[in-house]
Amino acid sequence: MLLTKGWAAEFGPGGVRVNAISPGPIHTPGTGNDIDDLAASLPARRIREPHEVASAVAFLTSDQAAYIHGAVLPVDGGAIAA
């Protein structure tokens, strides 16, 4: 988080936006079924899929997020809240 904020402060004046995504566990072919046990501890009650993280990345790189600098966006099904 500090690196994201530091780089945003350093490179922002040059027109570079620096943000980060904190995805938590993601369902991929390599994770197997054991990761499903984590779902019970998440408010969303499921493990996110790769396309859900990709959507967050697409948002942060879009013009809609042009005024977002130095942010860490949790895409974690509420794990930070729980």
C-alpha atoms as a PDB file:
ATOM      1  CA  MET A   1       0.000   0.000   0.000  1.00  0.00           C
ATOM      2  CA  LEU A   2       2.788   2.429   0.846  1.00  0.00           C
ATOM      3  CA  LEU A   3       4.563   1.742  -2.442  1.00  0.00           C
ATOM      4  CA  THR A   4       1.346   2.464  -4.344  1.00  0.00           C
ATOM      5  CA  LYS A   5       0.859   5.750  -2.496  1.00  0.00           C
ATOM      6  CA  GLY A   6       4.515   6.706  -2.826  1.00  0.00           C
ATOM      7  CA  TRP A   7       4.616   6.059  -6.551  1.00  0.00           C
ATOM      8  CA  ALA A   8       1.310   7.880  -7.044  1.00  0.00           C
ATOM      9  CA  ALA A   9       2.787  10.932  -5.321  1.00  0.00           C
ATOM     10  CA  GLU A  10       6.040  10.672  -7.283  1.00  0.00           C
ATOM     11  CA  PHE A  11       4.703   9.915 -10.754  1.00  0.00           C
ATOM     12  CA  GLY A  12       1.260  11.551 -10.571  1.00  0.00           C
ATOM     13  CA  PRO A  13       2.518  15.027 -11.494  1.00  0.00           C
ATOM     14  CA  GLY A  14       3.875  13.472 -14.689  1.00  0.00           C
ATOM     15  CA  GLY A  15       0.443  12.142 -15.647  1.00  0.00           C
ATOM     16  CA  VAL A  16       0.939   8.586 -14.407  1.00  0.00           C
ATOM     17  CA  ARG A  17      -1.777   7.055 -12.253  1.00  0.00           C
ATOM     18  CA  VAL A  18      -0.590   4.377  -9.833  1.00  0.00           C
ATOM     19  CA  ASN A  19      -3.205   2.159  -8.182  1.00  0.00           C
ATOM     20  CA  ALA A  20      -3.295  -1.426  -6.985  1.00  0.00           C
ATOM     21  CA  ILE A  21      -5.746  -4.307  -6.721  1.00  0.00           C
ATOM     22  CA  SER A  22      -5.846  -6.545  -3.653  1.00  0.00           C
ATOM     23  CA  PRO A  23      -7.626  -9.640  -4.972  1.00  0.00           C
ATOM     24  CA  GLY A  24      -7.344 -12.295  -2.284  1.00  0.00           C
ATOM     25  CA  PRO A  25      -7.931 -15.911  -3.359  1.00  0.00           C
ATOM     26  CA  ILE A  26      -8.998 -16.474  -6.968  1.00  0.00           C
ATOM     27  CA  HIS A  27     -10.449 -19.537  -8.625  1.00  0.00           C
ATOM     28  CA  THR A  28      -8.017 -20.776 -11.270  1.00  0.00           C
ATOM     29  CA  PRO A  29      -7.329 -24.232 -12.724  1.00  0.00           C
ATOM     30  CA  GLY A  30      -4.327 -24.564 -10.402  1.00  0.00           C
ATOM     31  CA  THR A  31      -6.132 -23.908  -7.118  1.00  0.00           C
ATOM     32  CA  GLY A  32      -8.178 -27.083  -6.991  1.00  0.00           C
ATOM     33  CA  ASN A  33     -11.168 -27.552  -4.697  1.00  0.00           C
ATOM     34  CA  ASP A  34      -9.469 -26.766  -1.377  1.00  0.00           C
ATOM     35  CA  ILE A  35      -9.872 -23.056  -2.014  1.00  0.00           C
ATOM     36  CA  ASP A  36     -13.654 -23.469  -1.840  1.00  0.00           C
ATOM     37  CA  ASP A  37     -13.336 -23.942   1.928  1.00  0.00           C
ATOM     38  CA  LEU A  38     -12.299 -20.289   2.182  1.00  0.00           C
ATOM     39  CA  ALA A  39     -15.649 -19.203   0.778  1.00  0.00           C
ATOM     40  CA  ALA A  40     -17.413 -19.860   4.071  1.00  0.00           C
ATOM     41  CA  SER A  41     -15.334 -17.163   5.765  1.00  0.00           C
ATOM     42  CA  LEU A  42     -16.098 -14.471   3.168  1.00  0.00           C
ATOM     43  CA  PRO A  43     -19.149 -12.213   3.253  1.00  0.00           C
ATOM     44  CA  ALA A  44     -19.655 -12.978  -0.460  1.00  0.00           C
ATOM     45  CA  ARG A  45     -19.678 -16.721   0.429  1.00  0.00           C
ATOM     46  CA  ARG A  46     -17.747 -17.601  -2.719  1.00  0.00           C
ATOM     47  CA  ILE A  47     -14.292 -17.305  -4.235  1.00  0.00           C
ATOM     48  CA  ARG A  48     -13.975 -14.722  -6.954  1.00  0.00           C
ATOM     49  CA  GLU A  49     -13.341 -15.620 -10.572  1.00  0.00           C
ATOM     50  CA  PRO A  50     -10.476 -14.137 -12.618  1.00  0.00           C
ATOM     51  CA  HIS A  51     -12.854 -12.066 -14.766  1.00  0.00           C
ATOM     52  CA  GLU A  52     -14.059 -10.215 -11.648  1.00  0.00           C
ATOM     53  CA  VAL A  53     -10.534  -9.021 -10.903  1.00  0.00           C
ATOM     54  CA  ALA A  54     -10.017  -8.186 -14.584  1.00  0.00           C
ATOM     55  CA  SER A  55     -13.115  -5.974 -14.453  1.00  0.00           C
ATOM     56  CA  ALA A  56     -11.619  -4.011 -11.557  1.00  0.00           C
ATOM     57  CA  VAL A  57      -8.358  -3.599 -13.478  1.00  0.00           C
ATOM     58  CA  ALA A  58     -10.287  -2.430 -16.548  1.00  0.00           C
ATOM     59  CA  PHE A  59     -12.104   0.145 -14.416  1.00  0.00           C
ATOM     60  CA  LEU A  60      -8.912   1.507 -12.841  1.00  0.00           C
ATOM     61  CA  THR A  61      -7.296   1.880 -16.267  1.00  0.00           C
ATOM     62  CA  SER A  62     -10.354   3.557 -17.783  1.00  0.00           C
ATOM     63  CA  ASP A  63     -11.124   7.256 -18.086  1.00  0.00           C
ATOM     64  CA  GLN A  64     -13.849   6.748 -15.456  1.00  0.00           C
ATOM     65  CA  ALA A  65     -11.071   6.357 -12.879  1.00  0.00           C
ATOM     66  CA  ALA A  66      -9.017   9.298 -14.123  1.00  0.00           C
ATOM     67  CA  TYR A  67      -9.096  11.024 -10.733  1.00  0.00           C
ATOM     68  CA  ILE A  68      -8.182   7.948  -8.691  1.00  0.00           C
ATOM     69  CA  HIS A  69      -4.538   8.018  -7.591  1.00  0.00           C
ATOM     70  CA  GLY A  70      -2.732   5.938  -4.981  1.00  0.00           C
ATOM     71  CA  ALA A  71      -5.691   3.688  -4.197  1.00  0.00           C
ATOM     72  CA  VAL A  72      -5.674   0.018  -3.264  1.00  0.00           C
ATOM     73  CA  LEU A  73      -8.954  -1.525  -4.411  1.00  0.00           C
ATOM     74  CA  PRO A  74      -9.921  -4.687  -2.531  1.00  0.00           C
ATOM     75  CA  VAL A  75     -11.618  -7.188  -4.839  1.00  0.00           C
ATOM     76  CA  ASP A  76     -11.831  -9.811  -2.140  1.00  0.00           C
ATOM     77  CA  GLY A  77     -15.471 -10.669  -1.573  1.00  0.00           C
ATOM     78  CA  GLY A  78     -15.449  -8.682   1.653  1.00  0.00           C
ATOM     79  CA  ALA A  79     -12.472 -10.446   3.267  1.00  0.00           C
ATOM     80  CA  ILE A  80     -11.096  -7.139   4.576  1.00  0.00           C
ATOM     81  CA  ALA A  81     -14.461  -6.371   6.184  1.00  0.00           C
ATOM     82  CA  ALA A  82     -14.806  -9.743   7.887  1.00  0.00           C
END
